[in-house]
């Protein structure tokens, strides 16, 4: 049974890049789902005072430290809206879709947002995410409109968090995939021109979407494991693989090695990997994967499980956090400690 679960994970890892349904209709403003009200707890996937999937842990040796944390984490989840309901997909997801909300919470909130619960109090908003098709469609106007709806939700959630929950505390910004699409824009449009926000931000873990370093004038790439007021990001692929859009999408973009926390191109072996997590989320797996920075990507030569050869994908996008789960968790704590010691 365990091997079957592992095989399921390998399928999930390649799912986002190779299997998605198209949106069948034009973008229609009248079909945009109702907006969130972030004053209501129901419009958050995770809050520090609620029992939610961001409190979960894959090992009894780990601790959820949100109760005593001195800082916050604002986490924006990736695209989970890719299916085709019976009546067809809209460009943006409804916040009242119970099945979709459960899927978000049992995957990205449990697997990704939770890794930050040692570093800070986790806030993860719901938002009207754009359908996965928005990344692939030739209808650029529809895609831009769908992403705009999603971004405005994320921006509104962030400022609601700042005004009502933050109380001047330092915070980590964290995201994956579509979440990073929106958090990167937040960094460029809101943080880069606001010194107070930049100083309050411990670090940004904006993962799964490449960000040009020169798009941020005042926020540097983190090139040291305890550097603060900076950002990190990476995108994972099989060693030797160049995706078709490498030249335009990845080449020359920011890439930080999640095992060394530098941009050095020297390979980092599996002995540096303190623990990844599989889909079952039942235990940590030390030595899960290696990592090497190569031309805007993290190249992986080895995933430490005998069933890896069954994985048809060379794109490890869905595993960007899972592959290095404990390393990211410990690094977030280290950056918090470094920030607090300086401030």
C-alpha atoms as a PDB file:
ATOM      1  CA  UNK A   1       0.000   0.000   0.000  1.00  0.00           C
ATOM      2  CA  UNK A   2       2.827   2.408   0.834  1.00  0.00           C
ATOM      3  CA  UNK A   3       4.321   1.918  -2.636  1.00  0.00           C
ATOM      4  CA  UNK A   4       0.950   2.662  -4.197  1.00  0.00           C
ATOM      5  CA  UNK A   5       0.757   5.916  -2.280  1.00  0.00           C
ATOM      6  CA  UNK A   6       4.242   6.788  -3.444  1.00  0.00           C
ATOM      7  CA  UNK A   7       3.274   6.117  -7.031  1.00  0.00           C
ATOM      8  CA  UNK A   8       0.247   8.369  -6.544  1.00  0.00           C
ATOM      9  CA  UNK A   9       2.570  11.152  -5.432  1.00  0.00           C
ATOM     10  CA  UNK A  10       4.746  10.725  -8.502  1.00  0.00           C
ATOM     11  CA  UNK A  11       1.618  11.116 -10.599  1.00  0.00           C
ATOM     12  CA  UNK A  12       0.654  14.271  -8.701  1.00  0.00           C
ATOM     13  CA  UNK A  13       4.133  15.732  -9.213  1.00  0.00           C
ATOM     14  CA  UNK A  14       3.733  15.676 -12.988  1.00  0.00           C
ATOM     15  CA  UNK A  15       0.007  16.481 -13.040  1.00  0.00           C
ATOM     16  CA  UNK A  16       0.174  20.267 -13.208  1.00  0.00           C
ATOM     17  CA  UNK A  17       2.470  20.275 -16.217  1.00  0.00           C
ATOM     18  CA  UNK A  18       0.865  17.598 -18.371  1.00  0.00           C
ATOM     19  CA  UNK A  19      -2.872  17.294 -17.613  1.00  0.00           C
ATOM     20  CA  UNK A  20      -5.383  20.117 -17.427  1.00  0.00           C
ATOM     21  CA  UNK A  21      -8.821  20.871 -18.800  1.00  0.00           C
ATOM     22  CA  UNK A  22      -9.544  23.908 -20.914  1.00  0.00           C
ATOM     23  CA  UNK A  23     -12.011  26.607 -19.939  1.00  0.00           C
ATOM     24  CA  UNK A  24     -14.762  26.251 -22.524  1.00  0.00           C
ATOM     25  CA  UNK A  25     -16.226  29.751 -22.433  1.00  0.00           C
ATOM     26  CA  UNK A  26     -15.037  33.340 -22.907  1.00  0.00           C
ATOM     27  CA  UNK A  27     -14.201  35.437 -19.862  1.00  0.00           C
ATOM     28  CA  UNK A  28     -17.415  37.055 -18.683  1.00  0.00           C
ATOM     29  CA  UNK A  29     -17.442  39.667 -15.919  1.00  0.00           C
ATOM     30  CA  UNK A  30     -20.952  38.618 -15.015  1.00  0.00           C
ATOM     31  CA  UNK A  31     -19.710  35.107 -14.207  1.00  0.00           C
ATOM     32  CA  UNK A  32     -16.972  36.166 -11.785  1.00  0.00           C
ATOM     33  CA  UNK A  33     -17.675  34.409  -8.447  1.00  0.00           C
ATOM     34  CA  UNK A  34     -18.631  36.462  -5.402  1.00  0.00           C
ATOM     35  CA  UNK A  35     -15.634  38.163  -3.735  1.00  0.00           C
ATOM     36  CA  UNK A  36     -14.230  37.188  -0.334  1.00  0.00           C
ATOM     37  CA  UNK A  37     -14.858  39.021   2.908  1.00  0.00           C
ATOM     38  CA  UNK A  38     -11.655  38.580   4.885  1.00  0.00           C
ATOM     39  CA  UNK A  39     -13.316  39.725   8.089  1.00  0.00           C
ATOM     40  CA  UNK A  40     -14.997  36.292   8.042  1.00  0.00           C
ATOM     41  CA  UNK A  41     -12.981  33.271   9.129  1.00  0.00           C
ATOM     42  CA  UNK A  42     -14.645  31.158   6.429  1.00  0.00           C
ATOM     43  CA  UNK A  43     -12.614  33.031   3.814  1.00  0.00           C
ATOM     44  CA  UNK A  44      -9.288  31.827   5.224  1.00  0.00           C
ATOM     45  CA  UNK A  45      -7.800  28.368   4.787  1.00  0.00           C
ATOM     46  CA  UNK A  46      -5.639  28.880   7.869  1.00  0.00           C
ATOM     47  CA  UNK A  47      -5.579  31.252  10.835  1.00  0.00           C
ATOM     48  CA  UNK A  48      -3.413  30.917  13.963  1.00  0.00           C
ATOM     49  CA  UNK A  49      -6.383  30.549  16.326  1.00  0.00           C
ATOM     50  CA  UNK A  50      -8.349  28.007  14.271  1.00  0.00           C
ATOM     51  CA  UNK A  51      -7.800  24.276  13.976  1.00  0.00           C
ATOM     52  CA  UNK A  52      -6.734  23.751  10.355  1.00  0.00           C
ATOM     53  CA  UNK A  53      -4.351  21.849   8.103  1.00  0.00           C
ATOM     54  CA  UNK A  54      -1.554  24.371   8.604  1.00  0.00           C
ATOM     55  CA  UNK A  55      -1.252  22.939  12.145  1.00  0.00           C
ATOM     56  CA  UNK A  56      -0.402  19.446  10.853  1.00  0.00           C
ATOM     57  CA  UNK A  57       3.025  17.805  11.067  1.00  0.00           C
ATOM     58  CA  UNK A  58       4.478  14.656   9.457  1.00  0.00           C
ATOM     59  CA  UNK A  59       6.477  13.626  12.529  1.00  0.00           C
ATOM     60  CA  UNK A  60       5.830  13.607  16.313  1.00  0.00           C
ATOM     61  CA  UNK A  61       9.357  14.964  16.764  1.00  0.00           C
ATOM     62  CA  UNK A  62       8.257  18.300  15.290  1.00  0.00           C
ATOM     63  CA  UNK A  63       6.287  21.015  17.041  1.00  0.00           C
ATOM     64  CA  UNK A  64       3.655  23.491  15.902  1.00  0.00           C
ATOM     65  CA  UNK A  65       5.040  26.684  17.465  1.00  0.00           C
ATOM     66  CA  UNK A  66       2.340  29.120  16.357  1.00  0.00           C
ATOM     67  CA  UNK A  67       1.032  29.729  19.883  1.00  0.00           C
ATOM     68  CA  UNK A  68       4.288  31.309  21.072  1.00  0.00           C
ATOM     69  CA  UNK A  69       5.611  32.620  17.741  1.00  0.00           C
ATOM     70  CA  UNK A  70       6.830  36.213  17.632  1.00  0.00           C
ATOM     71  CA  UNK A  71       6.318  36.581  13.882  1.00  0.00           C
ATOM     72  CA  UNK A  72       3.703  35.789  11.234  1.00  0.00           C
ATOM     73  CA  UNK A  73       3.613  33.926   7.933  1.00  0.00           C
ATOM     74  CA  UNK A  74       1.357  35.010   5.067  1.00  0.00           C
ATOM     75  CA  UNK A  75       1.004  32.038   2.716  1.00  0.00           C
ATOM     76  CA  UNK A  76      -0.636  32.023  -0.730  1.00  0.00           C
ATOM     77  CA  UNK A  77      -1.446  28.604  -2.172  1.00  0.00           C
ATOM     78  CA  UNK A  78      -0.815  27.378  -5.751  1.00  0.00           C
ATOM     79  CA  UNK A  79      -3.328  26.458  -8.445  1.00  0.00           C
ATOM     80  CA  UNK A  80      -5.580  23.597  -7.373  1.00  0.00           C
ATOM     81  CA  UNK A  81      -8.400  24.620  -9.742  1.00  0.00           C
ATOM     82  CA  UNK A  82      -7.868  22.574 -12.899  1.00  0.00           C
ATOM     83  CA  UNK A  83     -10.799  20.204 -13.177  1.00  0.00           C
ATOM     84  CA  UNK A  84     -13.894  20.310 -15.335  1.00  0.00           C
ATOM     85  CA  UNK A  85     -17.156  20.362 -13.379  1.00  0.00           C
ATOM     86  CA  UNK A  86     -20.347  19.063 -14.980  1.00  0.00           C
ATOM     87  CA  UNK A  87     -21.437  22.525 -16.085  1.00  0.00           C
ATOM     88  CA  UNK A  88     -17.995  23.517 -17.368  1.00  0.00           C
ATOM     89  CA  UNK A  89     -15.231  25.560 -15.778  1.00  0.00           C
ATOM     90  CA  UNK A  90     -15.199  29.299 -15.195  1.00  0.00           C
ATOM     91  CA  UNK A  91     -11.996  31.311 -15.360  1.00  0.00           C
ATOM     92  CA  UNK A  92     -11.951  31.888 -11.595  1.00  0.00           C
ATOM     93  CA  UNK A  93     -12.795  29.490  -8.791  1.00  0.00           C
ATOM     94  CA  UNK A  94     -15.719  30.019  -6.486  1.00  0.00           C
ATOM     95  CA  UNK A  95     -14.863  30.370  -2.801  1.00  0.00           C
ATOM     96  CA  UNK A  96     -17.955  28.353  -1.931  1.00  0.00           C
ATOM     97  CA  UNK A  97     -16.794  25.232  -3.835  1.00  0.00           C
ATOM     98  CA  UNK A  98     -16.587  22.793  -0.923  1.00  0.00           C
ATOM     99  CA  UNK A  99     -14.776  20.054  -2.810  1.00  0.00           C
ATOM    100  CA  UNK A 100     -12.145  22.462  -4.092  1.00  0.00           C
ATOM    101  CA  UNK A 101     -11.623  23.967  -0.638  1.00  0.00           C
ATOM    102  CA  UNK A 102     -11.110  20.501   0.828  1.00  0.00           C
ATOM    103  CA  UNK A 103      -8.622  19.685  -1.911  1.00  0.00           C
ATOM    104  CA  UNK A 104      -6.655  22.862  -1.218  1.00  0.00           C
ATOM    105  CA  UNK A 105      -6.538  22.225   2.505  1.00  0.00           C
ATOM    106  CA  UNK A 106      -5.590  18.545   2.259  1.00  0.00           C
ATOM    107  CA  UNK A 107      -2.794  19.223  -0.235  1.00  0.00           C
ATOM    108  CA  UNK A 108      -1.094  22.601  -0.290  1.00  0.00           C
ATOM    109  CA  UNK A 109      -2.118  23.848   3.167  1.00  0.00           C
ATOM    110  CA  UNK A 110      -1.131  20.545   4.804  1.00  0.00           C
ATOM    111  CA  UNK A 111       2.035  19.978   2.778  1.00  0.00           C
ATOM    112  CA  UNK A 112       3.286  23.528   2.228  1.00  0.00           C
ATOM    113  CA  UNK A 113       1.787  26.079   4.627  1.00  0.00           C
ATOM    114  CA  UNK A 114       2.406  23.730   7.560  1.00  0.00           C
ATOM    115  CA  UNK A 115       6.159  23.715   7.079  1.00  0.00           C
ATOM    116  CA  UNK A 116       6.163  27.340   8.272  1.00  0.00           C
ATOM    117  CA  UNK A 117       4.343  26.680  11.572  1.00  0.00           C
ATOM    118  CA  UNK A 118       7.687  26.399  13.402  1.00  0.00           C
ATOM    119  CA  UNK A 119       8.616  29.909  12.288  1.00  0.00           C
ATOM    120  CA  UNK A 120       5.427  31.908  12.742  1.00  0.00           C
ATOM    121  CA  UNK A 121       1.665  32.158  12.993  1.00  0.00           C
ATOM    122  CA  UNK A 122       0.244  31.020   9.654  1.00  0.00           C
ATOM    123  CA  UNK A 123      -2.333  33.079   7.731  1.00  0.00           C
ATOM    124  CA  UNK A 124      -3.488  31.562   4.425  1.00  0.00           C
ATOM    125  CA  UNK A 125      -6.323  33.308   2.576  1.00  0.00           C
ATOM    126  CA  UNK A 126      -8.807  31.810   0.198  1.00  0.00           C
ATOM    127  CA  UNK A 127      -8.843  33.606  -3.143  1.00  0.00           C
ATOM    128  CA  UNK A 128     -10.603  33.283  -6.458  1.00  0.00           C
ATOM    129  CA  UNK A 129      -7.685  31.522  -8.112  1.00  0.00           C
ATOM    130  CA  UNK A 130      -7.445  31.537 -11.888  1.00  0.00           C
ATOM    131  CA  UNK A 131      -8.043  28.225 -13.646  1.00  0.00           C
ATOM    132  CA  UNK A 132      -4.850  26.391 -14.618  1.00  0.00           C
ATOM    133  CA  UNK A 133      -5.778  26.948 -18.268  1.00  0.00           C
ATOM    134  CA  UNK A 134      -4.955  30.654 -17.807  1.00  0.00           C
ATOM    135  CA  UNK A 135      -1.260  29.698 -17.928  1.00  0.00           C
ATOM    136  CA  UNK A 136      -1.629  27.915 -21.289  1.00  0.00           C
ATOM    137  CA  UNK A 137      -4.389  29.640 -23.221  1.00  0.00           C
ATOM    138  CA  UNK A 138      -3.832  31.742 -26.324  1.00  0.00           C
ATOM    139  CA  UNK A 139      -6.624  34.032 -25.090  1.00  0.00           C
ATOM    140  CA  UNK A 140      -4.264  36.379 -23.282  1.00  0.00           C
ATOM    141  CA  UNK A 141      -6.962  38.926 -22.479  1.00  0.00           C
ATOM    142  CA  UNK A 142      -9.030  36.305 -20.664  1.00  0.00           C
ATOM    143  CA  UNK A 143      -5.979  35.031 -18.786  1.00  0.00           C
ATOM    144  CA  UNK A 144      -4.997  38.534 -17.694  1.00  0.00           C
ATOM    145  CA  UNK A 145      -8.531  39.227 -16.517  1.00  0.00           C
ATOM    146  CA  UNK A 146      -8.646  35.981 -14.530  1.00  0.00           C
ATOM    147  CA  UNK A 147      -5.261  36.623 -12.928  1.00  0.00           C
ATOM    148  CA  UNK A 148      -6.322  40.176 -12.086  1.00  0.00           C
ATOM    149  CA  UNK A 149      -9.347  38.888 -10.144  1.00  0.00           C
ATOM    150  CA  UNK A 150      -7.103  36.489  -8.229  1.00  0.00           C
ATOM    151  CA  UNK A 151      -4.398  39.074  -7.546  1.00  0.00           C
ATOM    152  CA  UNK A 152      -6.815  41.663  -6.207  1.00  0.00           C
ATOM    153  CA  UNK A 153      -8.089  39.061  -3.725  1.00  0.00           C
ATOM    154  CA  UNK A 154      -4.537  38.301  -2.563  1.00  0.00           C
ATOM    155  CA  UNK A 155      -3.712  41.991  -2.253  1.00  0.00           C
ATOM    156  CA  UNK A 156      -6.921  42.664  -0.318  1.00  0.00           C
ATOM    157  CA  UNK A 157      -6.238  39.704   1.978  1.00  0.00           C
ATOM    158  CA  UNK A 158      -2.711  40.889   2.662  1.00  0.00           C
ATOM    159  CA  UNK A 159      -3.776  44.404   3.611  1.00  0.00           C
ATOM    160  CA  UNK A 160      -6.643  43.046   5.713  1.00  0.00           C
ATOM    161  CA  UNK A 161      -4.090  40.894   7.522  1.00  0.00           C
ATOM    162  CA  UNK A 162      -1.794  43.899   8.040  1.00  0.00           C
ATOM    163  CA  UNK A 163      -4.561  46.133   9.348  1.00  0.00           C
ATOM    164  CA  UNK A 164      -6.456  43.674  11.539  1.00  0.00           C
ATOM    165  CA  UNK A 165      -4.123  40.845  12.562  1.00  0.00           C
ATOM    166  CA  UNK A 166      -0.472  41.810  12.222  1.00  0.00           C
ATOM    167  CA  UNK A 167      -0.096  44.424  14.987  1.00  0.00           C
ATOM    168  CA  UNK A 168       3.312  45.473  13.689  1.00  0.00           C
ATOM    169  CA  UNK A 169       4.908  42.017  13.885  1.00  0.00           C
ATOM    170  CA  UNK A 170       7.602  40.911  11.429  1.00  0.00           C
ATOM    171  CA  UNK A 171       6.388  38.441   8.829  1.00  0.00           C
ATOM    172  CA  UNK A 172       7.430  35.910   6.203  1.00  0.00           C
ATOM    173  CA  UNK A 173       5.781  35.985   2.789  1.00  0.00           C
ATOM    174  CA  UNK A 174       5.477  32.469   1.315  1.00  0.00           C
ATOM    175  CA  UNK A 175       3.883  31.080  -1.836  1.00  0.00           C
ATOM    176  CA  UNK A 176       4.004  28.453  -4.552  1.00  0.00           C
ATOM    177  CA  UNK A 177       3.137  28.470  -8.262  1.00  0.00           C
ATOM    178  CA  UNK A 178       0.074  30.701  -8.876  1.00  0.00           C
ATOM    179  CA  UNK A 179       0.530  31.968  -5.334  1.00  0.00           C
ATOM    180  CA  UNK A 180       3.967  33.160  -6.424  1.00  0.00           C
ATOM    181  CA  UNK A 181       2.538  34.780  -9.546  1.00  0.00           C
ATOM    182  CA  UNK A 182       0.546  37.014  -7.207  1.00  0.00           C
ATOM    183  CA  UNK A 183       3.137  37.415  -4.438  1.00  0.00           C
ATOM    184  CA  UNK A 184       5.801  38.411  -6.962  1.00  0.00           C
ATOM    185  CA  UNK A 185       3.496  41.178  -8.163  1.00  0.00           C
ATOM    186  CA  UNK A 186       2.841  42.142  -4.553  1.00  0.00           C
ATOM    187  CA  UNK A 187       6.596  42.419  -3.979  1.00  0.00           C
ATOM    188  CA  UNK A 188       7.102  44.499  -7.122  1.00  0.00           C
ATOM    189  CA  UNK A 189       4.131  46.840  -6.751  1.00  0.00           C
ATOM    190  CA  UNK A 190       3.765  47.148  -2.974  1.00  0.00           C
ATOM    191  CA  UNK A 191       6.992  46.160  -1.189  1.00  0.00           C
ATOM    192  CA  UNK A 192       9.669  47.437  -3.544  1.00  0.00           C
ATOM    193  CA  UNK A 193       8.439  51.001  -3.195  1.00  0.00           C
ATOM    194  CA  UNK A 194       7.584  50.799   0.520  1.00  0.00           C
ATOM    195  CA  UNK A 195      10.566  50.829   2.861  1.00  0.00           C
ATOM    196  CA  UNK A 196       8.475  50.092   5.950  1.00  0.00           C
ATOM    197  CA  UNK A 197       7.056  46.912   4.407  1.00  0.00           C
ATOM    198  CA  UNK A 198      10.497  45.796   3.243  1.00  0.00           C
ATOM    199  CA  UNK A 199      11.934  46.198   6.731  1.00  0.00           C
ATOM    200  CA  UNK A 200       9.005  44.340   8.289  1.00  0.00           C
ATOM    201  CA  UNK A 201       9.402  41.394   5.907  1.00  0.00           C
ATOM    202  CA  UNK A 202      11.855  38.810   7.240  1.00  0.00           C
ATOM    203  CA  UNK A 203      12.074  37.025   3.879  1.00  0.00           C
ATOM    204  CA  UNK A 204       9.936  35.938   0.944  1.00  0.00           C
ATOM    205  CA  UNK A 205       9.826  32.272  -0.102  1.00  0.00           C
ATOM    206  CA  UNK A 206       8.331  32.785  -3.562  1.00  0.00           C
ATOM    207  CA  UNK A 207       8.720  29.359  -5.139  1.00  0.00           C
ATOM    208  CA  UNK A 208       7.687  27.614  -8.354  1.00  0.00           C
ATOM    209  CA  UNK A 209       7.491  30.627 -10.685  1.00  0.00           C
ATOM    210  CA  UNK A 210      10.792  32.206 -11.828  1.00  0.00           C
ATOM    211  CA  UNK A 211      11.328  35.849 -10.856  1.00  0.00           C
ATOM    212  CA  UNK A 212      13.867  38.074 -12.625  1.00  0.00           C
ATOM    213  CA  UNK A 213      16.162  39.507  -9.954  1.00  0.00           C
ATOM    214  CA  UNK A 214      16.197  42.873 -11.729  1.00  0.00           C
ATOM    215  CA  UNK A 215      12.416  43.182 -11.385  1.00  0.00           C
ATOM    216  CA  UNK A 216      13.001  44.203  -7.761  1.00  0.00           C
ATOM    217  CA  UNK A 217      15.121  47.299  -7.226  1.00  0.00           C
ATOM    218  CA  UNK A 218      15.260  47.241  -3.428  1.00  0.00           C
ATOM    219  CA  UNK A 219      14.745  43.605  -2.452  1.00  0.00           C
ATOM    220  CA  UNK A 220      17.822  41.418  -3.074  1.00  0.00           C
ATOM    221  CA  UNK A 221      18.013  37.689  -3.645  1.00  0.00           C
ATOM    222  CA  UNK A 222      18.928  35.795  -0.467  1.00  0.00           C
ATOM    223  CA  UNK A 223      22.396  34.329  -1.016  1.00  0.00           C
ATOM    224  CA  UNK A 224      23.107  33.367   2.595  1.00  0.00           C
ATOM    225  CA  UNK A 225      21.024  31.057   4.829  1.00  0.00           C
ATOM    226  CA  UNK A 226      20.515  33.738   7.507  1.00  0.00           C
ATOM    227  CA  UNK A 227      20.115  36.777   5.269  1.00  0.00           C
ATOM    228  CA  UNK A 228      16.911  38.752   5.820  1.00  0.00           C
ATOM    229  CA  UNK A 229      14.798  41.356   3.975  1.00  0.00           C
ATOM    230  CA  UNK A 230      15.390  39.324   0.808  1.00  0.00           C
ATOM    231  CA  UNK A 231      13.694  36.667  -1.347  1.00  0.00           C
ATOM    232  CA  UNK A 232      14.334  33.099  -2.468  1.00  0.00           C
ATOM    233  CA  UNK A 233      12.831  31.019  -5.247  1.00  0.00           C
ATOM    234  CA  UNK A 234      13.461  27.868  -7.257  1.00  0.00           C
ATOM    235  CA  UNK A 235      11.869  25.586  -9.876  1.00  0.00           C
ATOM    236  CA  UNK A 236      12.708  21.867  -9.936  1.00  0.00           C
ATOM    237  CA  UNK A 237      13.414  19.666 -12.958  1.00  0.00           C
ATOM    238  CA  UNK A 238      15.119  16.369 -13.736  1.00  0.00           C
ATOM    239  CA  UNK A 239      18.841  16.752 -14.404  1.00  0.00           C
ATOM    240  CA  UNK A 240      19.521  17.154 -18.119  1.00  0.00           C
ATOM    241  CA  UNK A 241      16.011  18.369 -18.943  1.00  0.00           C
ATOM    242  CA  UNK A 242      15.281  21.727 -20.576  1.00  0.00           C
ATOM    243  CA  UNK A 243      11.579  22.595 -20.842  1.00  0.00           C
ATOM    244  CA  UNK A 244      10.460  24.016 -24.183  1.00  0.00           C
ATOM    245  CA  UNK A 245      10.108  27.511 -22.746  1.00  0.00           C
ATOM    246  CA  UNK A 246      13.449  27.460 -20.945  1.00  0.00           C
ATOM    247  CA  UNK A 247      14.993  30.316 -22.920  1.00  0.00           C
ATOM    248  CA  UNK A 248      12.136  32.742 -22.288  1.00  0.00           C
ATOM    249  CA  UNK A 249      10.771  31.453 -18.976  1.00  0.00           C
ATOM    250  CA  UNK A 250      13.694  30.222 -16.859  1.00  0.00           C
ATOM    251  CA  UNK A 251      17.043  31.190 -18.333  1.00  0.00           C
ATOM    252  CA  UNK A 252      18.736  33.864 -16.256  1.00  0.00           C
ATOM    253  CA  UNK A 253      16.037  33.937 -13.578  1.00  0.00           C
ATOM    254  CA  UNK A 254      16.604  33.831  -9.819  1.00  0.00           C
ATOM    255  CA  UNK A 255      17.308  30.359  -8.455  1.00  0.00           C
ATOM    256  CA  UNK A 256      18.399  29.601  -4.885  1.00  0.00           C
ATOM    257  CA  UNK A 257      19.455  26.102  -3.876  1.00  0.00           C
ATOM    258  CA  UNK A 258      17.130  24.946  -1.032  1.00  0.00           C
ATOM    259  CA  UNK A 259      19.879  22.719   0.394  1.00  0.00           C
ATOM    260  CA  UNK A 260      22.649  25.350   0.586  1.00  0.00           C
ATOM    261  CA  UNK A 261      20.642  28.612   0.409  1.00  0.00           C
ATOM    262  CA  UNK A 262      23.067  30.102  -2.096  1.00  0.00           C
ATOM    263  CA  UNK A 263      23.026  30.580  -5.853  1.00  0.00           C
ATOM    264  CA  UNK A 264      26.277  28.641  -6.269  1.00  0.00           C
ATOM    265  CA  UNK A 265      26.249  26.047  -9.044  1.00  0.00           C
ATOM    266  CA  UNK A 266      28.072  23.414  -7.003  1.00  0.00           C
ATOM    267  CA  UNK A 267      25.883  20.298  -6.551  1.00  0.00           C
ATOM    268  CA  UNK A 268      24.342  19.664  -3.126  1.00  0.00           C
ATOM    269  CA  UNK A 269      24.054  15.942  -2.411  1.00  0.00           C
ATOM    270  CA  UNK A 270      21.225  14.046  -0.782  1.00  0.00           C
ATOM    271  CA  UNK A 271      23.211  13.918   2.473  1.00  0.00           C
ATOM    272  CA  UNK A 272      22.281  17.601   2.932  1.00  0.00           C
ATOM    273  CA  UNK A 273      18.565  16.904   2.571  1.00  0.00           C
ATOM    274  CA  UNK A 274      17.188  16.624   6.116  1.00  0.00           C
ATOM    275  CA  UNK A 275      13.771  15.366   5.089  1.00  0.00           C
ATOM    276  CA  UNK A 276      11.152  15.487   2.381  1.00  0.00           C
ATOM    277  CA  UNK A 277       7.530  14.398   2.596  1.00  0.00           C
ATOM    278  CA  UNK A 278       5.376  12.169   0.407  1.00  0.00           C
ATOM    279  CA  UNK A 279       1.674  12.497  -0.210  1.00  0.00           C
ATOM    280  CA  UNK A 280       0.784  10.375   2.819  1.00  0.00           C
ATOM    281  CA  UNK A 281       2.473  12.999   5.037  1.00  0.00           C
ATOM    282  CA  UNK A 282       3.212  10.341   7.655  1.00  0.00           C
ATOM    283  CA  UNK A 283       6.963  10.667   8.036  1.00  0.00           C
ATOM    284  CA  UNK A 284      10.031  12.600   6.966  1.00  0.00           C
ATOM    285  CA  UNK A 285      12.395  11.004   4.471  1.00  0.00           C
ATOM    286  CA  UNK A 286      16.006  12.190   4.919  1.00  0.00           C
ATOM    287  CA  UNK A 287      18.120  12.255   1.775  1.00  0.00           C
ATOM    288  CA  UNK A 288      14.980  12.614  -0.348  1.00  0.00           C
ATOM    289  CA  UNK A 289      16.565  14.544  -3.252  1.00  0.00           C
ATOM    290  CA  UNK A 290      19.723  16.353  -4.243  1.00  0.00           C
ATOM    291  CA  UNK A 291      19.839  19.826  -5.839  1.00  0.00           C
ATOM    292  CA  UNK A 292      22.002  21.768  -8.270  1.00  0.00           C
ATOM    293  CA  UNK A 293      21.477  25.282  -9.614  1.00  0.00           C
ATOM    294  CA  UNK A 294      21.621  25.224 -13.409  1.00  0.00           C
ATOM    295  CA  UNK A 295      20.582  28.018 -15.753  1.00  0.00           C
ATOM    296  CA  UNK A 296      17.579  29.269 -13.775  1.00  0.00           C
ATOM    297  CA  UNK A 297      16.516  25.812 -12.542  1.00  0.00           C
ATOM    298  CA  UNK A 298      17.145  23.340  -9.762  1.00  0.00           C
ATOM    299  CA  UNK A 299      18.313  20.158 -11.440  1.00  0.00           C
ATOM    300  CA  UNK A 300      17.672  16.936  -9.535  1.00  0.00           C
ATOM    301  CA  UNK A 301      19.698  13.845 -10.394  1.00  0.00           C
ATOM    302  CA  UNK A 302      18.249  11.606  -7.711  1.00  0.00           C
ATOM    303  CA  UNK A 303      14.984  11.193  -5.825  1.00  0.00           C
ATOM    304  CA  UNK A 304      15.693   8.598  -3.190  1.00  0.00           C
ATOM    305  CA  UNK A 305      13.049   5.969  -3.832  1.00  0.00           C
ATOM    306  CA  UNK A 306      13.125   2.873  -6.071  1.00  0.00           C
ATOM    307  CA  UNK A 307       9.806   3.766  -7.748  1.00  0.00           C
ATOM    308  CA  UNK A 308      11.131   7.049  -9.097  1.00  0.00           C
ATOM    309  CA  UNK A 309      11.867   5.381 -12.446  1.00  0.00           C
ATOM    310  CA  UNK A 310       8.097   5.049 -12.920  1.00  0.00           C
ATOM    311  CA  UNK A 311       7.642   8.812 -12.901  1.00  0.00           C
ATOM    312  CA  UNK A 312       7.188   9.879 -16.543  1.00  0.00           C
ATOM    313  CA  UNK A 313       7.657  13.566 -15.776  1.00  0.00           C
ATOM    314  CA  UNK A 314      10.888  15.489 -15.766  1.00  0.00           C
ATOM    315  CA  UNK A 315       9.129  18.462 -14.191  1.00  0.00           C
ATOM    316  CA  UNK A 316       9.068  18.297 -10.379  1.00  0.00           C
ATOM    317  CA  UNK A 317       7.012  21.470  -9.999  1.00  0.00           C
ATOM    318  CA  UNK A 318       4.451  20.082  -7.540  1.00  0.00           C
ATOM    319  CA  UNK A 319       7.289  18.884  -5.301  1.00  0.00           C
ATOM    320  CA  UNK A 320       9.200  22.180  -5.082  1.00  0.00           C
ATOM    321  CA  UNK A 321       8.543  22.395  -1.324  1.00  0.00           C
ATOM    322  CA  UNK A 322       7.917  18.704  -0.541  1.00  0.00           C
ATOM    323  CA  UNK A 323      11.304  17.557  -1.807  1.00  0.00           C
ATOM    324  CA  UNK A 324      13.121  19.819   0.687  1.00  0.00           C
ATOM    325  CA  UNK A 325      10.429  20.160   3.369  1.00  0.00           C
ATOM    326  CA  UNK A 326      12.534  20.056   6.539  1.00  0.00           C
ATOM    327  CA  UNK A 327      15.348  22.151   5.068  1.00  0.00           C
ATOM    328  CA  UNK A 328      12.888  24.918   4.226  1.00  0.00           C
ATOM    329  CA  UNK A 329      11.269  24.644   7.667  1.00  0.00           C
ATOM    330  CA  UNK A 330      14.599  24.976   9.481  1.00  0.00           C
ATOM    331  CA  UNK A 331      15.752  27.793   7.239  1.00  0.00           C
ATOM    332  CA  UNK A 332      12.605  29.807   7.937  1.00  0.00           C
ATOM    333  CA  UNK A 333      13.292  29.447  11.674  1.00  0.00           C
ATOM    334  CA  UNK A 334      16.942  30.465  11.161  1.00  0.00           C
ATOM    335  CA  UNK A 335      15.958  33.610   9.262  1.00  0.00           C
ATOM    336  CA  UNK A 336      13.426  34.514  11.964  1.00  0.00           C
ATOM    337  CA  UNK A 337      16.086  34.149  14.652  1.00  0.00           C
ATOM    338  CA  UNK A 338      18.583  36.190  12.637  1.00  0.00           C
ATOM    339  CA  UNK A 339      15.993  38.927  12.069  1.00  0.00           C
ATOM    340  CA  UNK A 340      14.964  39.116  15.715  1.00  0.00           C
ATOM    341  CA  UNK A 341      18.574  39.217  16.888  1.00  0.00           C
ATOM    342  CA  UNK A 342      19.246  42.211  14.637  1.00  0.00           C
ATOM    343  CA  UNK A 343      16.017  44.028  15.497  1.00  0.00           C
END
